[in-house]
C-alpha atoms as a PDB file:
ATOM      1  CA  VAL A   1      86.092 109.243  89.904  1.00  0.00           C
ATOM      2  CA  GLN A   2      89.618 110.429  89.209  1.00  0.00           C
ATOM      3  CA  LEU A   3      90.279 113.662  87.337  1.00  0.00           C
ATOM      4  CA  GLN A   4      93.443 114.460  85.395  1.00  0.00           C
ATOM      5  CA  ALA A   5      94.019 118.100  84.490  1.00  0.00           C
ATOM      6  CA  SER A   6      96.522 119.256  81.884  1.00  0.00           C
ATOM      7  CA  GLY A   7      97.275 122.064  79.477  1.00  0.00           C
ATOM      8  CA  GLY A   8      98.794 124.663  81.744  1.00  0.00           C
ATOM      9  CA  GLY A   9     102.089 126.407  81.150  1.00  0.00           C
ATOM     10  CA  PRO A  10     103.718 129.787  80.638  1.00  0.00           C
ATOM     11  CA  VAL A  11     102.077 132.289  78.302  1.00  0.00           C
ATOM     12  CA  GLN A  12     102.399 135.984  77.601  1.00  0.00           C
ATOM     13  CA  ALA A  13      99.630 138.421  78.425  1.00  0.00           C
ATOM     14  CA  GLY A  14      97.030 138.457  75.689  1.00  0.00           C
ATOM     15  CA  GLY A  15      97.720 134.855  74.770  1.00  0.00           C
ATOM     16  CA  SER A  16      95.550 131.746  75.018  1.00  0.00           C
ATOM     17  CA  LEU A  17      95.631 128.329  76.618  1.00  0.00           C
ATOM     18  CA  ARG A  18      93.211 125.420  76.675  1.00  0.00           C
ATOM     19  CA  LEU A  19      93.020 123.308  79.789  1.00  0.00           C
ATOM     20  CA  SER A  20      91.675 119.772  79.718  1.00  0.00           C
ATOM     21  CA  CYS A  21      90.364 117.567  82.485  1.00  0.00           C
ATOM     22  CA  VAL A  22      89.840 113.884  81.746  1.00  0.00           C
ATOM     23  CA  ALA A  23      87.668 111.770  84.023  1.00  0.00           C
ATOM     24  CA  SER A  24      88.323 108.125  84.759  1.00  0.00           C
ATOM     25  CA  GLU A  25      84.725 106.938  84.526  1.00  0.00           C
ATOM     26  CA  ARG A  26      81.694 107.311  82.310  1.00  0.00           C
ATOM     27  CA  THR A  27      79.778 108.515  85.377  1.00  0.00           C
ATOM     28  CA  PHE A  28      81.397 111.834  84.419  1.00  0.00           C
ATOM     29  CA  GLY A  29      78.398 112.283  82.163  1.00  0.00           C
ATOM     30  CA  ARG A  30      76.165 112.585  85.220  1.00  0.00           C
ATOM     31  CA  MET A  31      78.302 115.153  87.022  1.00  0.00           C
ATOM     32  CA  VAL A  32      78.480 118.908  87.245  1.00  0.00           C
ATOM     33  CA  MET A  33      81.992 119.977  86.306  1.00  0.00           C
ATOM     34  CA  ALA A  34      83.871 123.112  87.264  1.00  0.00           C
ATOM     35  CA  TRP A  35      87.209 124.844  87.143  1.00  0.00           C
ATOM     36  CA  PHE A  36      88.691 126.629  90.140  1.00  0.00           C
ATOM     37  CA  ARG A  37      91.997 128.381  90.578  1.00  0.00           C
ATOM     38  CA  GLN A  38      94.265 129.252  93.449  1.00  0.00           C
ATOM     39  CA  ALA A  39      97.009 131.832  93.429  1.00  0.00           C
ATOM     40  CA  PRO A  40      99.755 131.851  96.084  1.00  0.00           C
ATOM     41  CA  GLY A  41      98.455 133.197  99.371  1.00  0.00           C
ATOM     42  CA  LYS A  42      94.872 133.333  98.153  1.00  0.00           C
ATOM     43  CA  GLU A  43      91.822 131.175  98.610  1.00  0.00           C
ATOM     44  CA  ARG A  44      90.632 128.814  95.910  1.00  0.00           C
ATOM     45  CA  GLU A  45      88.181 130.657  93.689  1.00  0.00           C
ATOM     46  CA  PHE A  46      85.520 129.591  91.239  1.00  0.00           C
ATOM     47  CA  VAL A  47      86.288 130.155  87.578  1.00  0.00           C
ATOM     48  CA  ALA A  48      83.579 128.365  85.587  1.00  0.00           C
ATOM     49  CA  GLY A  49      81.005 125.599  85.862  1.00  0.00           C
ATOM     50  CA  ILE A  50      78.954 123.511  83.430  1.00  0.00           C
ATOM     51  CA  ASN A  51      75.917 121.300  83.887  1.00  0.00           C
ATOM     52  CA  LEU A  52      75.441 117.670  82.839  1.00  0.00           C
ATOM     53  CA  SER A  53      74.264 118.387  79.299  1.00  0.00           C
ATOM     54  CA  GLY A  54      76.617 121.292  78.687  1.00  0.00           C
ATOM     55  CA  GLY A  55      73.649 123.523  78.075  1.00  0.00           C
ATOM     56  CA  ALA A  56      74.197 125.737  81.108  1.00  0.00           C
ATOM     57  CA  THR A  57      77.387 127.474  82.171  1.00  0.00           C
ATOM     58  CA  ASP A  58      78.440 130.006  84.784  1.00  0.00           C
ATOM     59  CA  TYR A  59      81.540 132.152  85.018  1.00  0.00           C
ATOM     60  CA  SER A  60      83.148 134.379  87.580  1.00  0.00           C
ATOM     61  CA  ASP A  61      82.999 138.043  86.699  1.00  0.00           C
ATOM     62  CA  SER A  62      86.782 138.171  86.374  1.00  0.00           C
ATOM     63  CA  VAL A  63      86.837 135.706  83.448  1.00  0.00           C
ATOM     64  CA  LYS A  64      83.461 136.280  81.812  1.00  0.00           C
ATOM     65  CA  GLY A  65      83.873 136.989  78.115  1.00  0.00           C
ATOM     66  CA  ARG A  66      87.437 135.635  78.037  1.00  0.00           C
ATOM     67  CA  PHE A  67      87.090 132.025  79.202  1.00  0.00           C
ATOM     68  CA  THR A  68      84.808 129.299  77.882  1.00  0.00           C
ATOM     69  CA  ILE A  69      84.011 126.023  79.593  1.00  0.00           C
ATOM     70  CA  SER A  70      82.790 123.060  77.565  1.00  0.00           C
ATOM     71  CA  ARG A  71      82.513 119.310  77.869  1.00  0.00           C
ATOM     72  CA  ASP A  72      82.750 116.306  75.585  1.00  0.00           C
ATOM     73  CA  THR A  73      80.875 113.397  77.121  1.00  0.00           C
ATOM     74  CA  ALA A  74      82.206 110.902  74.582  1.00  0.00           C
ATOM     75  CA  LYS A  75      85.760 111.812  75.596  1.00  0.00           C
ATOM     76  CA  ILE A  76      84.772 112.216  79.266  1.00  0.00           C
ATOM     77  CA  THR A  77      86.626 115.514  79.198  1.00  0.00           C
ATOM     78  CA  VAL A  78      85.890 119.071  80.250  1.00  0.00           C
ATOM     79  CA  TYR A  79      87.788 121.969  78.731  1.00  0.00           C
ATOM     80  CA  LEU A  80      88.566 125.532  79.712  1.00  0.00           C
ATOM     81  CA  GLN A  81      89.483 127.747  76.775  1.00  0.00           C
ATOM     82  CA  MET A  82      91.262 130.798  78.129  1.00  0.00           C
ATOM     83  CA  ASN A  83      91.739 133.806  75.855  1.00  0.00           C
ATOM     84  CA  SER A  84      93.090 137.309  76.436  1.00  0.00           C
ATOM     85  CA  LEU A  85      95.019 136.074  79.435  1.00  0.00           C
ATOM     86  CA  LYS A  86      96.174 138.553  82.047  1.00  0.00           C
ATOM     87  CA  PRO A  87      98.942 138.323  84.659  1.00  0.00           C
ATOM     88  CA  GLU A  88      96.243 138.165  87.347  1.00  0.00           C
ATOM     89  CA  ASP A  89      95.067 134.872  85.815  1.00  0.00           C
ATOM     90  CA  THR A  90      98.273 133.267  87.073  1.00  0.00           C
ATOM     91  CA  ALA A  91      97.332 130.414  89.402  1.00  0.00           C
ATOM     92  CA  VAL A  92      97.083 126.673  89.761  1.00  0.00           C
ATOM     93  CA  TYR A  93      93.907 125.595  87.993  1.00  0.00           C
ATOM     94  CA  TYR A  94      91.879 122.677  89.323  1.00  0.00           C
ATOM     95  CA  CYS A  95      88.981 120.793  87.817  1.00  0.00           C
ATOM     96  CA  ALA A  96      86.251 119.502  90.097  1.00  0.00           C
ATOM     97  CA  ALA A  97      83.214 117.278  89.784  1.00  0.00           C
ATOM     98  CA  ASP A  98      80.119 116.428  91.752  1.00  0.00           C
ATOM     99  CA  SER A  99      76.943 114.530  90.996  1.00  0.00           C
ATOM    100  CA  THR A 100      74.498 116.319  93.262  1.00  0.00           C
ATOM    101  CA  LEU A 101      75.136 120.041  92.983  1.00  0.00           C
ATOM    102  CA  VAL A 102      72.427 122.573  92.332  1.00  0.00           C
ATOM    103  CA  ARG A 103      73.455 125.554  90.266  1.00  0.00           C
ATOM    104  CA  SER A 104      73.512 127.909  93.248  1.00  0.00           C
ATOM    105  CA  SER A 105      76.310 125.781  94.757  1.00  0.00           C
ATOM    106  CA  TRP A 106      78.592 125.587  91.727  1.00  0.00           C
ATOM    107  CA  SER A 107      80.900 128.324  93.029  1.00  0.00           C
ATOM    108  CA  ASN A 108      81.420 126.682  96.424  1.00  0.00           C
ATOM    109  CA  PRO A 109      84.616 124.567  96.423  1.00  0.00           C
ATOM    110  CA  ALA A 110      83.563 122.757  99.589  1.00  0.00           C
ATOM    111  CA  ALA A 111      80.585 121.305  97.728  1.00  0.00           C
ATOM    112  CA  TYR A 112      82.662 119.210  95.309  1.00  0.00           C
ATOM    113  CA  ASP A 113      83.593 115.604  96.040  1.00  0.00           C
ATOM    114  CA  TYR A 114      86.175 115.061  93.304  1.00  0.00           C
ATOM    115  CA  TRP A 115      89.233 117.123  92.376  1.00  0.00           C
ATOM    116  CA  GLY A 116      92.014 116.925  89.842  1.00  0.00           C
ATOM    117  CA  GLN A 117      95.637 117.504  90.773  1.00  0.00           C
ATOM    118  CA  GLY A 118      95.926 121.010  89.358  1.00  0.00           C
ATOM    119  CA  THR A 119      97.839 122.513  86.446  1.00  0.00           C
ATOM    120  CA  GLN A 120      99.924 125.678  86.691  1.00  0.00           C
ATOM    121  CA  VAL A 121      99.136 128.656  84.475  1.00  0.00           C
ATOM    122  CA  THR A 122     101.661 131.488  84.483  1.00  0.00           C
ATOM    123  CA  VAL A 123     100.897 134.668  82.541  1.00  0.00           C
ATOM    124  CA  SER A 124     103.749 137.122  82.075  1.00  0.00           C
ATOM    125  CA  SER A 125     103.318 140.784  81.250  1.00  0.00           C
END
């Protein structure tokens, strides 16, 4: 499975962006999907995850209430709607996928087999 992330860019604090991640195969529908981010000099951190049906989601505490993850199986795409952006949200955002993850492992980047190339989000104050 190949993942193509897009939608990043510069935005002012308080603004919004929507990231998209398109998968190359319909097997996407049988995969847990997640968004991670990595700021310069920092480790890759979990942002949000979503199960196969889209009925269950998890968020990091730092984005809860501001970000929303969703998926469209027909379009084999997962989205990350980011509202009320803050300068500390600045990072490269990556989408990830795996077919075997249990929910307790969603936040572990080492558990994912497939990664997109990343899209830069820059939030200015």
